Amino acid sequence: MTYVVTEACIKCKYTDCVDVCPVDAFREGPNFLVIDPDECIDCTLCVPECPVAAIYAEEDVPADQQDFIALNADLSKHWPTIVEKKQSPPDAERWAAVRVKRALLER
């Protein structure tokens, strides 16, 4: 089992989760984070750190977010590792309230 970043992270990209990851499993894209399933050790430390509740255990990913399992695996192979918390986008709080934003994901 691994952990998966889902749609709620798009355009928010809070990086609180990155600071607690003991194996540097997070990868950073233009407006989204993913978890590399080959690096994740299932420690659960990132889950409570996410202010928008975007991180789920693979087995708990909601039905309408299942495609994010493969998306995390794919994008993690192309995006660089992020190891330190960064400033969130200036409009992250506004985007945190938006539920449907899959089409806004930048690759």
C-alpha atoms as a PDB file:
ATOM      1  CA  MET A   1       0.000   0.000   0.000  1.00  0.00           C
ATOM      2  CA  THR A   2       1.089   3.560  -0.662  1.00  0.00           C
ATOM      3  CA  TYR A   3      -0.374   7.002  -0.145  1.00  0.00           C
ATOM      4  CA  VAL A   4      -1.910   9.035  -2.936  1.00  0.00           C
ATOM      5  CA  VAL A   5      -2.401  12.764  -3.493  1.00  0.00           C
ATOM      6  CA  THR A   6      -5.832  13.521  -4.958  1.00  0.00           C
ATOM      7  CA  GLU A   7      -7.710  16.331  -6.668  1.00  0.00           C
ATOM      8  CA  ALA A   8      -7.989  18.604  -3.622  1.00  0.00           C
ATOM      9  CA  CYS A   9      -4.283  19.439  -3.944  1.00  0.00           C
ATOM     10  CA  ILE A  10      -4.587  20.934  -7.425  1.00  0.00           C
ATOM     11  CA  LYS A  11      -3.910  24.688  -7.392  1.00  0.00           C
ATOM     12  CA  CYS A  12      -3.469  24.630  -3.577  1.00  0.00           C
ATOM     13  CA  LYS A  13      -0.140  22.811  -3.425  1.00  0.00           C
ATOM     14  CA  TYR A  14       0.354  23.248   0.291  1.00  0.00           C
ATOM     15  CA  THR A  15       3.655  21.595   1.101  1.00  0.00           C
ATOM     16  CA  ASP A  16       3.255  20.915   4.826  1.00  0.00           C
ATOM     17  CA  CYS A  17       3.247  17.194   3.961  1.00  0.00           C
ATOM     18  CA  VAL A  18       6.703  17.380   2.413  1.00  0.00           C
ATOM     19  CA  ASP A  19       8.365  18.449   5.675  1.00  0.00           C
ATOM     20  CA  VAL A  20       7.330  15.295   7.523  1.00  0.00           C
ATOM     21  CA  CYS A  21       8.108  12.712   4.842  1.00  0.00           C
ATOM     22  CA  PRO A  22      11.061  10.647   6.098  1.00  0.00           C
ATOM     23  CA  VAL A  23      11.918   9.236   2.651  1.00  0.00           C
ATOM     24  CA  ASP A  24      11.425  12.238   0.342  1.00  0.00           C
ATOM     25  CA  ALA A  25       8.626  10.543  -1.598  1.00  0.00           C
ATOM     26  CA  PHE A  26       6.935  13.755  -2.769  1.00  0.00           C
ATOM     27  CA  ARG A  27       7.364  15.113  -6.269  1.00  0.00           C
ATOM     28  CA  GLU A  28       6.445  18.641  -7.347  1.00  0.00           C
ATOM     29  CA  GLY A  29       4.656  19.705 -10.483  1.00  0.00           C
ATOM     30  CA  PRO A  30       3.560  23.180 -11.544  1.00  0.00           C
ATOM     31  CA  ASN A  31       0.368  23.198  -9.443  1.00  0.00           C
ATOM     32  CA  PHE A  32       0.143  19.785  -7.775  1.00  0.00           C
ATOM     33  CA  LEU A  33       2.152  17.351  -5.664  1.00  0.00           C
ATOM     34  CA  VAL A  34       2.324  13.586  -6.075  1.00  0.00           C
ATOM     35  CA  ILE A  35       3.744  10.729  -4.027  1.00  0.00           C
ATOM     36  CA  ASP A  36       6.144   8.281  -5.621  1.00  0.00           C
ATOM     37  CA  PRO A  37       4.686   4.858  -4.792  1.00  0.00           C
ATOM     38  CA  ASP A  38       8.129   3.263  -5.088  1.00  0.00           C
ATOM     39  CA  GLU A  39       9.503   5.559  -2.368  1.00  0.00           C
ATOM     40  CA  CYS A  40       6.519   5.797   0.003  1.00  0.00           C
ATOM     41  CA  ILE A  41       6.920   3.643   3.126  1.00  0.00           C
ATOM     42  CA  ASP A  42       3.297   3.984   4.259  1.00  0.00           C
ATOM     43  CA  CYS A  43       4.200   5.865   7.417  1.00  0.00           C
ATOM     44  CA  THR A  44       1.001   8.020   7.408  1.00  0.00           C
ATOM     45  CA  LEU A  45       2.859  11.117   8.637  1.00  0.00           C
ATOM     46  CA  CYS A  46       1.788  13.225   5.658  1.00  0.00           C
ATOM     47  CA  VAL A  47      -1.946  12.585   5.973  1.00  0.00           C
ATOM     48  CA  PRO A  48      -2.710  14.831   8.979  1.00  0.00           C
ATOM     49  CA  GLU A  49      -0.398  17.554   7.657  1.00  0.00           C
ATOM     50  CA  CYS A  50      -2.466  18.213   4.538  1.00  0.00           C
ATOM     51  CA  PRO A  51      -4.773  21.175   5.224  1.00  0.00           C
ATOM     52  CA  VAL A  52      -7.126  20.200   2.378  1.00  0.00           C
ATOM     53  CA  ALA A  53      -7.307  16.453   3.147  1.00  0.00           C
ATOM     54  CA  ALA A  54      -5.942  15.509  -0.269  1.00  0.00           C
ATOM     55  CA  ILE A  55      -3.855  12.497   0.830  1.00  0.00           C
ATOM     56  CA  TYR A  56      -5.329   9.013   1.195  1.00  0.00           C
ATOM     57  CA  ALA A  57      -4.078   5.500   1.698  1.00  0.00           C
ATOM     58  CA  GLU A  58      -4.356   3.784  -1.685  1.00  0.00           C
ATOM     59  CA  GLU A  59      -7.073   1.465  -0.394  1.00  0.00           C
ATOM     60  CA  ASP A  60      -9.103   4.447   0.871  1.00  0.00           C
ATOM     61  CA  VAL A  61      -8.982   6.664  -2.217  1.00  0.00           C
ATOM     62  CA  PRO A  62     -12.589   7.693  -2.972  1.00  0.00           C
ATOM     63  CA  ALA A  63     -14.202   6.032  -5.987  1.00  0.00           C
ATOM     64  CA  ASP A  64     -14.277   9.278  -7.981  1.00  0.00           C
ATOM     65  CA  GLN A  65     -10.541   9.815  -7.357  1.00  0.00           C
ATOM     66  CA  GLN A  66      -9.227   6.341  -8.276  1.00  0.00           C
ATOM     67  CA  ASP A  67      -7.471   7.643 -11.383  1.00  0.00           C
ATOM     68  CA  PHE A  68      -5.142   9.604  -9.104  1.00  0.00           C
ATOM     69  CA  ILE A  69      -3.460   6.337  -8.069  1.00  0.00           C
ATOM     70  CA  ALA A  70      -2.058   5.865 -11.578  1.00  0.00           C
ATOM     71  CA  LEU A  71      -1.538   9.599 -11.997  1.00  0.00           C
ATOM     72  CA  ASN A  72       0.710   9.757  -8.910  1.00  0.00           C
ATOM     73  CA  ALA A  73       2.703   6.766 -10.166  1.00  0.00           C
ATOM     74  CA  ASP A  74       3.117   8.259 -13.633  1.00  0.00           C
ATOM     75  CA  LEU A  75       3.906  11.868 -12.737  1.00  0.00           C
ATOM     76  CA  SER A  76       6.302  10.866  -9.952  1.00  0.00           C
ATOM     77  CA  LYS A  77       8.594   9.471 -12.630  1.00  0.00           C
ATOM     78  CA  HIS A  78       8.818  12.844 -14.384  1.00  0.00           C
ATOM     79  CA  TRP A  79       8.637  15.492 -11.679  1.00  0.00           C
ATOM     80  CA  PRO A  80      11.484  16.503  -9.357  1.00  0.00           C
ATOM     81  CA  THR A  81      11.668  15.575  -5.693  1.00  0.00           C
ATOM     82  CA  ILE A  82      10.582  18.228  -3.215  1.00  0.00           C
ATOM     83  CA  VAL A  83      12.117  17.948   0.259  1.00  0.00           C
ATOM     84  CA  GLU A  84      11.308  21.247   1.976  1.00  0.00           C
ATOM     85  CA  LYS A  85       8.128  23.145   2.656  1.00  0.00           C
ATOM     86  CA  LYS A  86       7.612  26.065   0.287  1.00  0.00           C
ATOM     87  CA  GLN A  87       5.325  29.048   0.295  1.00  0.00           C
ATOM     88  CA  SER A  88       1.864  28.119  -0.950  1.00  0.00           C
ATOM     89  CA  PRO A  89       0.509  29.867  -4.032  1.00  0.00           C
ATOM     90  CA  PRO A  90      -1.007  33.251  -3.084  1.00  0.00           C
ATOM     91  CA  ASP A  91      -4.495  32.101  -4.102  1.00  0.00           C
ATOM     92  CA  ALA A  92      -4.266  28.637  -2.474  1.00  0.00           C
ATOM     93  CA  GLU A  93      -6.914  29.398   0.126  1.00  0.00           C
ATOM     94  CA  ARG A  94      -9.420  30.337  -2.562  1.00  0.00           C
ATOM     95  CA  TRP A  95      -8.696  27.102  -4.470  1.00  0.00           C
ATOM     96  CA  ALA A  96      -8.983  25.008  -1.307  1.00  0.00           C
ATOM     97  CA  ALA A  97     -12.751  25.512  -1.394  1.00  0.00           C
ATOM     98  CA  VAL A  98     -13.053  24.362  -5.022  1.00  0.00           C
ATOM     99  CA  ARG A  99     -13.855  20.648  -5.303  1.00  0.00           C
ATOM    100  CA  VAL A 100     -13.819  20.066  -9.076  1.00  0.00           C
ATOM    101  CA  LYS A 101     -10.492  21.131 -10.540  1.00  0.00           C
ATOM    102  CA  ARG A 102      -9.090  18.056 -12.258  1.00  0.00           C
ATOM    103  CA  ALA A 103      -9.066  19.869 -15.626  1.00  0.00           C
ATOM    104  CA  LEU A 104      -6.733  22.499 -14.116  1.00  0.00           C
ATOM    105  CA  LEU A 105      -3.898  20.061 -13.423  1.00  0.00           C
ATOM    106  CA  GLU A 106      -0.725  21.233 -15.157  1.00  0.00           C
ATOM    107  CA  ARG A 107       1.674  18.534 -16.217  1.00  0.00           C
END
